[in-house]
Amino acid sequence: MKANIHPETFECEVSCACGEKFTTLATVKDIHVEICSKCHPFYTGKQKLVDTAGRIEKFERRYGKKQKEASAQ
């Protein structure tokens, strides 16, 4: 390995929104994530809707009204 070209690494604590915490090596000292291997649907086998930036509500506002009107008639 060449000297003085690699970034400095730190022991980093990664914390998930579900409360899981673990340590790893990274170039930053603290990382916050929304989904980890403890709560990701692929690893847990449970369905979980992850709403980023209100996409579900935006979809329901656009298309939910049309479905309600059609069922009312």
C-alpha atoms as a PDB file:
ATOM      1  CA  MET A   1       0.000   0.000   0.000  1.00  0.00           C
ATOM      2  CA  LYS A   2       1.178   3.484  -0.771  1.00  0.00           C
ATOM      3  CA  ALA A   3       1.842   5.762   2.187  1.00  0.00           C
ATOM      4  CA  ASN A   4      -0.224   8.917   2.882  1.00  0.00           C
ATOM      5  CA  ILE A   5      -2.999   8.331   0.315  1.00  0.00           C
ATOM      6  CA  HIS A   6      -5.544   6.432   2.401  1.00  0.00           C
ATOM      7  CA  PRO A   7      -8.143   8.244   4.520  1.00  0.00           C
ATOM      8  CA  GLU A   8      -8.000   8.021   8.290  1.00  0.00           C
ATOM      9  CA  THR A   9     -10.331   5.362   9.715  1.00  0.00           C
ATOM     10  CA  PHE A  10     -12.107   5.463  13.048  1.00  0.00           C
ATOM     11  CA  GLU A  11     -13.986   2.962  15.151  1.00  0.00           C
ATOM     12  CA  CYS A  12     -17.517   4.019  14.274  1.00  0.00           C
ATOM     13  CA  GLU A  13     -20.809   3.360  16.051  1.00  0.00           C
ATOM     14  CA  VAL A  14     -23.693   2.689  13.660  1.00  0.00           C
ATOM     15  CA  SER A  15     -27.162   3.251  15.104  1.00  0.00           C
ATOM     16  CA  CYS A  16     -30.416   2.245  13.414  1.00  0.00           C
ATOM     17  CA  ALA A  17     -33.881   3.762  13.774  1.00  0.00           C
ATOM     18  CA  CYS A  18     -35.044   0.472  15.364  1.00  0.00           C
ATOM     19  CA  GLY A  19     -32.546   0.923  18.208  1.00  0.00           C
ATOM     20  CA  GLU A  20     -29.879  -1.549  17.071  1.00  0.00           C
ATOM     21  CA  LYS A  21     -26.273  -0.376  17.562  1.00  0.00           C
ATOM     22  CA  PHE A  22     -23.003  -1.924  16.411  1.00  0.00           C
ATOM     23  CA  THR A  23     -19.431  -0.819  15.798  1.00  0.00           C
ATOM     24  CA  THR A  24     -17.368  -0.961  12.629  1.00  0.00           C
ATOM     25  CA  LEU A  25     -14.489   0.861  10.953  1.00  0.00           C
ATOM     26  CA  ALA A  26     -15.336   3.898   8.825  1.00  0.00           C
ATOM     27  CA  THR A  27     -14.012   7.288   7.783  1.00  0.00           C
ATOM     28  CA  VAL A  28     -16.623   9.020   9.965  1.00  0.00           C
ATOM     29  CA  LYS A  29     -17.112   8.598  13.710  1.00  0.00           C
ATOM     30  CA  ASP A  30     -20.911   8.210  13.844  1.00  0.00           C
ATOM     31  CA  ILE A  31     -23.455   6.817  11.339  1.00  0.00           C
ATOM     32  CA  HIS A  32     -27.272   6.845  11.610  1.00  0.00           C
ATOM     33  CA  VAL A  33     -29.285   4.529   9.322  1.00  0.00           C
ATOM     34  CA  GLU A  34     -33.019   3.905   8.847  1.00  0.00           C
ATOM     35  CA  ILE A  35     -32.875   0.150   8.177  1.00  0.00           C
ATOM     36  CA  CYS A  36     -30.357  -2.419   9.394  1.00  0.00           C
ATOM     37  CA  SER A  37     -30.083  -6.195   9.074  1.00  0.00           C
ATOM     38  CA  LYS A  38     -32.176  -6.633  12.253  1.00  0.00           C
ATOM     39  CA  CYS A  39     -35.224  -4.813  10.829  1.00  0.00           C
ATOM     40  CA  HIS A  40     -34.845  -5.183   7.031  1.00  0.00           C
ATOM     41  CA  PRO A  41     -37.712  -7.189   5.450  1.00  0.00           C
ATOM     42  CA  PHE A  42     -35.310  -9.369   3.435  1.00  0.00           C
ATOM     43  CA  TYR A  43     -33.653 -10.689   6.600  1.00  0.00           C
ATOM     44  CA  THR A  44     -36.693 -10.738   8.904  1.00  0.00           C
ATOM     45  CA  GLY A  45     -39.283 -12.077   6.459  1.00  0.00           C
ATOM     46  CA  LYS A  46     -41.818  -9.468   7.622  1.00  0.00           C
ATOM     47  CA  GLN A  47     -43.398  -6.869   5.362  1.00  0.00           C
ATOM     48  CA  LYS A  48     -42.484  -3.320   6.355  1.00  0.00           C
ATOM     49  CA  LEU A  49     -43.466  -0.209   4.441  1.00  0.00           C
ATOM     50  CA  VAL A  50     -40.709   2.365   4.434  1.00  0.00           C
ATOM     51  CA  ASP A  51     -42.165   5.756   3.606  1.00  0.00           C
ATOM     52  CA  THR A  52     -39.469   8.095   2.379  1.00  0.00           C
ATOM     53  CA  ALA A  53     -40.590  11.656   1.799  1.00  0.00           C
ATOM     54  CA  GLY A  54     -44.318  10.869   2.066  1.00  0.00           C
ATOM     55  CA  ARG A  55     -44.550   8.786  -1.118  1.00  0.00           C
ATOM     56  CA  ILE A  56     -47.397   6.626   0.181  1.00  0.00           C
ATOM     57  CA  GLU A  57     -49.525   9.638   1.143  1.00  0.00           C
ATOM     58  CA  LYS A  58     -48.715  11.290  -2.175  1.00  0.00           C
ATOM     59  CA  PHE A  59     -49.882   8.160  -4.038  1.00  0.00           C
ATOM     60  CA  GLU A  60     -53.081   7.953  -1.986  1.00  0.00           C
ATOM     61  CA  ARG A  61     -53.845  11.619  -2.631  1.00  0.00           C
ATOM     62  CA  ARG A  62     -53.432  11.127  -6.374  1.00  0.00           C
ATOM     63  CA  TYR A  63     -55.130   7.784  -6.900  1.00  0.00           C
ATOM     64  CA  GLY A  64     -57.079   7.086  -3.709  1.00  0.00           C
ATOM     65  CA  LYS A  65     -59.832   9.587  -4.523  1.00  0.00           C
ATOM     66  CA  LYS A  66     -60.511   8.008  -7.914  1.00  0.00           C
ATOM     67  CA  GLN A  67     -60.955   4.578  -6.356  1.00  0.00           C
ATOM     68  CA  LYS A  68     -63.335   5.957  -3.680  1.00  0.00           C
ATOM     69  CA  GLU A  69     -65.464   7.767  -6.285  1.00  0.00           C
ATOM     70  CA  ALA A  70     -65.685   4.676  -8.506  1.00  0.00           C
ATOM     71  CA  SER A  71     -66.764   2.441  -5.613  1.00  0.00           C
ATOM     72  CA  ALA A  72     -69.405   4.962  -4.471  1.00  0.00           C
ATOM     73  CA  GLN A  73     -71.197   4.918  -7.845  1.00  0.00           C
END
